[in-house]
Amino acid sequence: MASGWGITGNKGRCYDFWTDFSECMSRCREPKDCALLREDYLECLHHSKEEQYYKTLNVKCLVRIV
């Protein structure tokens, strides 16, 4: 992934997030300064926030139906 090549031979979907995070880590004093960029990169990889949002939305819809 960090090589920049995606599964189709083009740039990977999260490569831009990785380069931003990597550049920040190389020039910052404290790793916590790059926490938001790290969060963006991990969200791109795993979609955990998006998944949680849709689960919550689904539960709210089911509560209305029942």
C-alpha atoms as a PDB file:
ATOM      1  CA  MET A   1       0.000   0.000   0.000  1.00  0.00           C
ATOM      2  CA  ALA A   2       2.672   2.502   0.942  1.00  0.00           C
ATOM      3  CA  SER A   3       4.314   1.925  -2.428  1.00  0.00           C
ATOM      4  CA  GLY A   4       1.481   3.917  -3.981  1.00  0.00           C
ATOM      5  CA  TRP A   5       0.347   1.199  -6.367  1.00  0.00           C
ATOM      6  CA  GLY A   6      -3.234   0.021  -6.083  1.00  0.00           C
ATOM      7  CA  ILE A   7      -4.704  -3.318  -7.026  1.00  0.00           C
ATOM      8  CA  THR A   8      -5.410  -2.149 -10.586  1.00  0.00           C
ATOM      9  CA  GLY A   9      -1.925  -0.745 -11.153  1.00  0.00           C
ATOM     10  CA  ASN A  10      -2.984   2.848 -10.594  1.00  0.00           C
ATOM     11  CA  LYS A  11      -2.469   4.970  -7.526  1.00  0.00           C
ATOM     12  CA  GLY A  12      -4.044   3.373  -4.451  1.00  0.00           C
ATOM     13  CA  ARG A  13      -7.194   4.949  -3.048  1.00  0.00           C
ATOM     14  CA  CYS A  14      -5.520   5.879   0.256  1.00  0.00           C
ATOM     15  CA  TYR A  15      -2.105   6.832  -1.079  1.00  0.00           C
ATOM     16  CA  ASP A  16      -2.753  10.574  -0.884  1.00  0.00           C
ATOM     17  CA  PHE A  17      -3.750  10.223   2.760  1.00  0.00           C
ATOM     18  CA  TRP A  18      -0.620   8.165   3.393  1.00  0.00           C
ATOM     19  CA  THR A  19       1.695  10.730   1.810  1.00  0.00           C
ATOM     20  CA  ASP A  20       0.126  13.573   3.823  1.00  0.00           C
ATOM     21  CA  PHE A  21       0.488  11.587   7.047  1.00  0.00           C
ATOM     22  CA  SER A  22       4.022  10.472   6.223  1.00  0.00           C
ATOM     23  CA  GLU A  23       5.162  14.011   5.397  1.00  0.00           C
ATOM     24  CA  CYS A  24       3.652  15.301   8.622  1.00  0.00           C
ATOM     25  CA  MET A  25       5.404  12.611  10.670  1.00  0.00           C
ATOM     26  CA  SER A  26       8.747  13.417   9.065  1.00  0.00           C
ATOM     27  CA  ARG A  27       8.586  17.121   9.912  1.00  0.00           C
ATOM     28  CA  CYS A  28       6.663  17.303  13.205  1.00  0.00           C
ATOM     29  CA  ARG A  29       8.071  17.492  16.723  1.00  0.00           C
ATOM     30  CA  GLU A  30       5.382  15.395  18.381  1.00  0.00           C
ATOM     31  CA  PRO A  31       3.545  12.490  16.757  1.00  0.00           C
ATOM     32  CA  LYS A  32       0.299  13.776  18.262  1.00  0.00           C
ATOM     33  CA  ASP A  33       0.565  16.758  15.888  1.00  0.00           C
ATOM     34  CA  CYS A  34      -0.342  14.388  13.064  1.00  0.00           C
ATOM     35  CA  ALA A  35      -3.234  12.668  14.828  1.00  0.00           C
ATOM     36  CA  LEU A  36      -5.910  14.015  12.472  1.00  0.00           C
ATOM     37  CA  LEU A  37      -3.989  12.950   9.381  1.00  0.00           C
ATOM     38  CA  ARG A  38      -3.462   9.500  10.903  1.00  0.00           C
ATOM     39  CA  GLU A  39      -7.179   9.282  11.620  1.00  0.00           C
ATOM     40  CA  ASP A  40      -8.004  10.216   8.012  1.00  0.00           C
ATOM     41  CA  TYR A  41      -5.578   7.612   6.678  1.00  0.00           C
ATOM     42  CA  LEU A  42      -6.957   4.853   8.900  1.00  0.00           C
ATOM     43  CA  GLU A  43     -10.523   5.799   8.001  1.00  0.00           C
ATOM     44  CA  CYS A  44      -9.634   5.514   4.333  1.00  0.00           C
ATOM     45  CA  LEU A  45      -8.194   2.046   4.921  1.00  0.00           C
ATOM     46  CA  HIS A  46     -10.843   0.593   7.202  1.00  0.00           C
ATOM     47  CA  HIS A  47     -13.972   2.771   6.833  1.00  0.00           C
ATOM     48  CA  SER A  48     -14.694   2.270  10.538  1.00  0.00           C
ATOM     49  CA  LYS A  49     -16.415   5.634  11.098  1.00  0.00           C
ATOM     50  CA  GLU A  50     -18.475   5.253   7.963  1.00  0.00           C
ATOM     51  CA  GLU A  51     -19.470   1.734   8.969  1.00  0.00           C
ATOM     52  CA  GLN A  52     -20.455   2.892  12.458  1.00  0.00           C
ATOM     53  CA  TYR A  53     -22.512   5.722  10.982  1.00  0.00           C
ATOM     54  CA  TYR A  54     -24.489   3.339   8.764  1.00  0.00           C
ATOM     55  CA  LYS A  55     -25.019   0.880  11.609  1.00  0.00           C
ATOM     56  CA  THR A  56     -26.392   3.695  13.778  1.00  0.00           C
ATOM     57  CA  LEU A  57     -28.585   4.926  10.944  1.00  0.00           C
ATOM     58  CA  ASN A  58     -29.908   1.421  10.348  1.00  0.00           C
ATOM     59  CA  VAL A  59     -30.772   0.978  14.028  1.00  0.00           C
ATOM     60  CA  LYS A  60     -32.614   4.306  14.059  1.00  0.00           C
ATOM     61  CA  CYS A  61     -34.618   3.264  10.997  1.00  0.00           C
ATOM     62  CA  LEU A  62     -35.464  -0.102  12.533  1.00  0.00           C
ATOM     63  CA  VAL A  63     -36.651   1.584  15.731  1.00  0.00           C
ATOM     64  CA  ARG A  64     -39.034   3.745  13.692  1.00  0.00           C
ATOM     65  CA  ILE A  65     -40.420   0.722  11.855  1.00  0.00           C
ATOM     66  CA  VAL A  66     -40.974  -1.343  14.978  1.00  0.00           C
END
